[in-house]
C-alpha atoms as a PDB file:
ATOM      1  CA  UNK A   1       0.000   0.000   0.000  1.00  0.00           C
ATOM      2  CA  UNK A   2       2.877   2.359   0.796  1.00  0.00           C
ATOM      3  CA  UNK A   3       4.367   1.686  -2.610  1.00  0.00           C
ATOM      4  CA  UNK A   4       1.075   2.569  -4.293  1.00  0.00           C
ATOM      5  CA  UNK A   5       0.928   6.002  -2.596  1.00  0.00           C
ATOM      6  CA  UNK A   6       4.587   6.586  -3.343  1.00  0.00           C
ATOM      7  CA  UNK A   7       4.027   5.794  -7.038  1.00  0.00           C
ATOM      8  CA  UNK A   8       0.904   7.999  -7.115  1.00  0.00           C
ATOM      9  CA  UNK A   9       2.776  10.966  -5.590  1.00  0.00           C
ATOM     10  CA  UNK A  10       5.685  10.375  -7.959  1.00  0.00           C
ATOM     11  CA  UNK A  11       3.362  10.322 -10.996  1.00  0.00           C
ATOM     12  CA  UNK A  12       1.605  13.536  -9.958  1.00  0.00           C
ATOM     13  CA  UNK A  13       4.957  15.200  -9.295  1.00  0.00           C
ATOM     14  CA  UNK A  14       6.240  14.198 -12.719  1.00  0.00           C
ATOM     15  CA  UNK A  15       3.275  15.968 -14.352  1.00  0.00           C
ATOM     16  CA  UNK A  16       4.293  19.245 -12.760  1.00  0.00           C
ATOM     17  CA  UNK A  17       7.992  18.780 -13.507  1.00  0.00           C
ATOM     18  CA  UNK A  18       7.629  17.956 -17.193  1.00  0.00           C
ATOM     19  CA  UNK A  19       8.977  20.567 -19.602  1.00  0.00           C
ATOM     20  CA  UNK A  20       6.776  22.071 -22.249  1.00  0.00           C
ATOM     21  CA  UNK A  21       7.708  23.269 -25.694  1.00  0.00           C
ATOM     22  CA  UNK A  22       7.884  27.014 -26.188  1.00  0.00           C
ATOM     23  CA  UNK A  23       4.777  28.376 -27.808  1.00  0.00           C
ATOM     24  CA  UNK A  24       5.566  30.555 -30.798  1.00  0.00           C
ATOM     25  CA  UNK A  25       4.565  34.171 -30.217  1.00  0.00           C
ATOM     26  CA  UNK A  26       3.323  34.685 -33.733  1.00  0.00           C
ATOM     27  CA  UNK A  27       2.297  32.324 -36.454  1.00  0.00           C
ATOM     28  CA  UNK A  28       4.026  34.531 -39.012  1.00  0.00           C
ATOM     29  CA  UNK A  29       7.812  34.946 -38.606  1.00  0.00           C
ATOM     30  CA  UNK A  30       7.717  38.191 -40.636  1.00  0.00           C
ATOM     31  CA  UNK A  31       5.222  39.680 -38.168  1.00  0.00           C
ATOM     32  CA  UNK A  32       7.397  38.591 -35.271  1.00  0.00           C
ATOM     33  CA  UNK A  33      10.496  40.118 -36.876  1.00  0.00           C
ATOM     34  CA  UNK A  34       8.667  43.422 -37.402  1.00  0.00           C
ATOM     35  CA  UNK A  35       7.461  43.311 -33.803  1.00  0.00           C
ATOM     36  CA  UNK A  36      11.011  42.856 -32.539  1.00  0.00           C
ATOM     37  CA  UNK A  37      12.444  45.658 -34.697  1.00  0.00           C
ATOM     38  CA  UNK A  38       9.720  48.099 -33.574  1.00  0.00           C
ATOM     39  CA  UNK A  39       9.802  47.130 -29.909  1.00  0.00           C
ATOM     40  CA  UNK A  40      13.605  47.414 -29.689  1.00  0.00           C
ATOM     41  CA  UNK A  41      13.249  51.142 -30.394  1.00  0.00           C
ATOM     42  CA  UNK A  42      10.754  51.598 -27.566  1.00  0.00           C
ATOM     43  CA  UNK A  43      11.312  51.838 -23.827  1.00  0.00           C
ATOM     44  CA  UNK A  44       9.492  49.654 -21.326  1.00  0.00           C
ATOM     45  CA  UNK A  45       7.377  52.016 -19.256  1.00  0.00           C
ATOM     46  CA  UNK A  46       7.834  49.874 -16.147  1.00  0.00           C
ATOM     47  CA  UNK A  47      11.555  49.026 -16.393  1.00  0.00           C
ATOM     48  CA  UNK A  48      12.537  52.307 -18.127  1.00  0.00           C
ATOM     49  CA  UNK A  49      16.090  51.144 -18.856  1.00  0.00           C
ATOM     50  CA  UNK A  50      15.079  48.138 -20.887  1.00  0.00           C
ATOM     51  CA  UNK A  51      13.670  47.933 -24.369  1.00  0.00           C
ATOM     52  CA  UNK A  52      10.132  46.795 -24.888  1.00  0.00           C
ATOM     53  CA  UNK A  53      11.504  43.751 -26.713  1.00  0.00           C
ATOM     54  CA  UNK A  54      13.709  42.685 -23.799  1.00  0.00           C
ATOM     55  CA  UNK A  55      11.359  43.400 -20.916  1.00  0.00           C
ATOM     56  CA  UNK A  56       9.290  40.644 -19.328  1.00  0.00           C
ATOM     57  CA  UNK A  57       6.896  42.856 -17.354  1.00  0.00           C
ATOM     58  CA  UNK A  58       3.149  42.413 -17.760  1.00  0.00           C
ATOM     59  CA  UNK A  59       2.783  45.856 -19.324  1.00  0.00           C
ATOM     60  CA  UNK A  60       5.518  45.084 -21.848  1.00  0.00           C
ATOM     61  CA  UNK A  61       3.721  41.857 -22.789  1.00  0.00           C
ATOM     62  CA  UNK A  62       0.488  43.804 -23.272  1.00  0.00           C
ATOM     63  CA  UNK A  63       2.211  46.458 -25.376  1.00  0.00           C
ATOM     64  CA  UNK A  64       3.858  43.825 -27.572  1.00  0.00           C
ATOM     65  CA  UNK A  65       0.446  42.209 -28.040  1.00  0.00           C
ATOM     66  CA  UNK A  66      -0.962  45.618 -29.017  1.00  0.00           C
ATOM     67  CA  UNK A  67       1.858  46.145 -31.518  1.00  0.00           C
ATOM     68  CA  UNK A  68       1.291  42.651 -32.915  1.00  0.00           C
ATOM     69  CA  UNK A  69      -2.419  43.495 -33.385  1.00  0.00           C
ATOM     70  CA  UNK A  70      -1.541  46.736 -35.180  1.00  0.00           C
ATOM     71  CA  UNK A  71       0.857  44.866 -37.458  1.00  0.00           C
ATOM     72  CA  UNK A  72      -1.870  42.373 -38.347  1.00  0.00           C
ATOM     73  CA  UNK A  73      -4.205  45.290 -39.102  1.00  0.00           C
ATOM     74  CA  UNK A  74      -1.724  46.430 -41.748  1.00  0.00           C
ATOM     75  CA  UNK A  75      -0.361  49.540 -40.008  1.00  0.00           C
ATOM     76  CA  UNK A  76       3.067  50.773 -41.039  1.00  0.00           C
ATOM     77  CA  UNK A  77       5.948  51.059 -38.586  1.00  0.00           C
ATOM     78  CA  UNK A  78       5.578  54.853 -38.481  1.00  0.00           C
ATOM     79  CA  UNK A  79       1.846  54.570 -37.769  1.00  0.00           C
ATOM     80  CA  UNK A  80       2.558  52.149 -34.932  1.00  0.00           C
ATOM     81  CA  UNK A  81       5.201  54.479 -33.448  1.00  0.00           C
ATOM     82  CA  UNK A  82       2.797  57.416 -33.772  1.00  0.00           C
ATOM     83  CA  UNK A  83       0.082  55.424 -32.009  1.00  0.00           C
ATOM     84  CA  UNK A  84       2.417  54.572 -29.130  1.00  0.00           C
ATOM     85  CA  UNK A  85       3.633  58.186 -28.814  1.00  0.00           C
ATOM     86  CA  UNK A  86       0.049  59.497 -28.812  1.00  0.00           C
ATOM     87  CA  UNK A  87      -0.850  57.053 -26.092  1.00  0.00           C
ATOM     88  CA  UNK A  88       2.270  57.169 -23.885  1.00  0.00           C
ATOM     89  CA  UNK A  89       4.183  60.298 -24.923  1.00  0.00           C
ATOM     90  CA  UNK A  90       7.705  60.734 -26.266  1.00  0.00           C
ATOM     91  CA  UNK A  91       9.109  58.922 -23.234  1.00  0.00           C
ATOM     92  CA  UNK A  92       8.197  55.582 -24.833  1.00  0.00           C
ATOM     93  CA  UNK A  93      10.822  56.163 -27.548  1.00  0.00           C
ATOM     94  CA  UNK A  94      14.478  55.515 -26.806  1.00  0.00           C
ATOM     95  CA  UNK A  95      15.389  58.367 -29.158  1.00  0.00           C
ATOM     96  CA  UNK A  96      12.712  61.030 -28.718  1.00  0.00           C
ATOM     97  CA  UNK A  97      12.479  63.602 -31.529  1.00  0.00           C
ATOM     98  CA  UNK A  98      14.237  66.944 -31.179  1.00  0.00           C
ATOM     99  CA  UNK A  99      11.499  69.513 -30.659  1.00  0.00           C
ATOM    100  CA  UNK A 100      11.029  72.413 -28.231  1.00  0.00           C
ATOM    101  CA  UNK A 101       9.517  70.253 -25.522  1.00  0.00           C
ATOM    102  CA  UNK A 102      12.484  67.825 -25.604  1.00  0.00           C
ATOM    103  CA  UNK A 103      15.303  70.380 -25.945  1.00  0.00           C
ATOM    104  CA  UNK A 104      16.147  70.086 -22.276  1.00  0.00           C
ATOM    105  CA  UNK A 105      16.355  66.313 -22.665  1.00  0.00           C
ATOM    106  CA  UNK A 106      18.791  66.606 -25.562  1.00  0.00           C
ATOM    107  CA  UNK A 107      20.809  69.642 -24.477  1.00  0.00           C
ATOM    108  CA  UNK A 108      20.537  69.331 -20.681  1.00  0.00           C
ATOM    109  CA  UNK A 109      23.460  66.942 -20.152  1.00  0.00           C
ATOM    110  CA  UNK A 110      25.791  69.217 -22.136  1.00  0.00           C
ATOM    111  CA  UNK A 111      24.642  72.289 -20.180  1.00  0.00           C
ATOM    112  CA  UNK A 112      25.254  70.487 -16.884  1.00  0.00           C
ATOM    113  CA  UNK A 113      28.698  69.393 -18.122  1.00  0.00           C
ATOM    114  CA  UNK A 114      29.556  72.990 -19.157  1.00  0.00           C
ATOM    115  CA  UNK A 115      28.506  74.336 -15.728  1.00  0.00           C
ATOM    116  CA  UNK A 116      30.560  71.635 -14.029  1.00  0.00           C
ATOM    117  CA  UNK A 117      33.684  72.458 -16.051  1.00  0.00           C
ATOM    118  CA  UNK A 118      33.202  76.215 -15.475  1.00  0.00           C
ATOM    119  CA  UNK A 119      32.778  75.648 -11.725  1.00  0.00           C
ATOM    120  CA  UNK A 120      35.900  73.478 -11.610  1.00  0.00           C
ATOM    121  CA  UNK A 121      37.961  76.100 -13.453  1.00  0.00           C
ATOM    122  CA  UNK A 122      36.759  78.876 -11.122  1.00  0.00           C
ATOM    123  CA  UNK A 123      37.578  76.742  -8.088  1.00  0.00           C
ATOM    124  CA  UNK A 124      41.066  75.898  -9.367  1.00  0.00           C
ATOM    125  CA  UNK A 125      41.866  79.546 -10.188  1.00  0.00           C
ATOM    126  CA  UNK A 126      40.752  80.739  -6.751  1.00  0.00           C
ATOM    127  CA  UNK A 127      42.720  77.993  -5.066  1.00  0.00           C
ATOM    128  CA  UNK A 128      45.867  78.880  -7.038  1.00  0.00           C
ATOM    129  CA  UNK A 129      45.435  82.563  -6.178  1.00  0.00           C
ATOM    130  CA  UNK A 130      45.291  81.717  -2.463  1.00  0.00           C
ATOM    131  CA  UNK A 131      48.179  79.267  -2.552  1.00  0.00           C
ATOM    132  CA  UNK A 132      50.484  81.213  -4.890  1.00  0.00           C
ATOM    133  CA  UNK A 133      53.867  81.931  -3.241  1.00  0.00           C
ATOM    134  CA  UNK A 134      54.539  85.576  -2.449  1.00  0.00           C
ATOM    135  CA  UNK A 135      57.991  87.104  -2.328  1.00  0.00           C
ATOM    136  CA  UNK A 136      58.804  89.059   0.801  1.00  0.00           C
ATOM    137  CA  UNK A 137      60.299  92.517   0.736  1.00  0.00           C
ATOM    138  CA  UNK A 138      63.216  93.532   2.938  1.00  0.00           C
ATOM    139  CA  UNK A 139      60.811  95.430   5.200  1.00  0.00           C
ATOM    140  CA  UNK A 140      58.749  92.244   5.624  1.00  0.00           C
ATOM    141  CA  UNK A 141      61.886  90.264   6.470  1.00  0.00           C
ATOM    142  CA  UNK A 142      62.935  92.901   9.048  1.00  0.00           C
ATOM    143  CA  UNK A 143      59.485  92.808  10.723  1.00  0.00           C
ATOM    144  CA  UNK A 144      59.650  89.002  10.915  1.00  0.00           C
ATOM    145  CA  UNK A 145      63.117  89.153  12.452  1.00  0.00           C
ATOM    146  CA  UNK A 146      61.975  91.727  15.023  1.00  0.00           C
ATOM    147  CA  UNK A 147      58.994  89.561  15.976  1.00  0.00           C
ATOM    148  CA  UNK A 148      61.134  86.471  16.332  1.00  0.00           C
ATOM    149  CA  UNK A 149      63.688  88.314  18.419  1.00  0.00           C
ATOM    150  CA  UNK A 150      60.980  89.708  20.692  1.00  0.00           C
ATOM    151  CA  UNK A 151      59.659  86.213  21.355  1.00  0.00           C
ATOM    152  CA  UNK A 152      63.004  84.441  21.759  1.00  0.00           C
ATOM    153  CA  UNK A 153      66.016  86.697  22.259  1.00  0.00           C
ATOM    154  CA  UNK A 154      69.316  85.621  20.770  1.00  0.00           C
ATOM    155  CA  UNK A 155      71.530  83.373  22.838  1.00  0.00           C
ATOM    156  CA  UNK A 156      74.346  85.934  22.451  1.00  0.00           C
ATOM    157  CA  UNK A 157      72.385  88.522  24.462  1.00  0.00           C
ATOM    158  CA  UNK A 158      72.379  86.307  27.555  1.00  0.00           C
ATOM    159  CA  UNK A 159      75.311  86.616  29.912  1.00  0.00           C
ATOM    160  CA  UNK A 160      76.636  83.606  31.590  1.00  0.00           C
END
């Protein structure tokens, strides 16, 4: 009887452990290739640093399904990109277009770099001005000698 239960548990466990073949995402390889080329140019809205093609989030799966539907409807790649931008904004594109609303996105890093370099140069010049060696005049040397002598008189002045 123990062997029967052991065999039954083993059989049920084998059903869960069996591997399944991968289901093709699209029946048409051309559609799938178009889907991949379009989705590689788009950003996953959840992951943000991953392309839509590489992301495995639920939203990315839904967006790929939406793109696949648009491809089957006969939409061009530009129409599909336009649809996605209308729906999710320019952020969905890895390379957003250069227009007034995205100027800061395109030019901002260079402006920040320029301010950083300018700040570094100002800092270095001020530091060099403070640290630069100054030559002493004879009057300055005499004042220093007088101060040192006032603090510690020469040994020759002391009488034994």
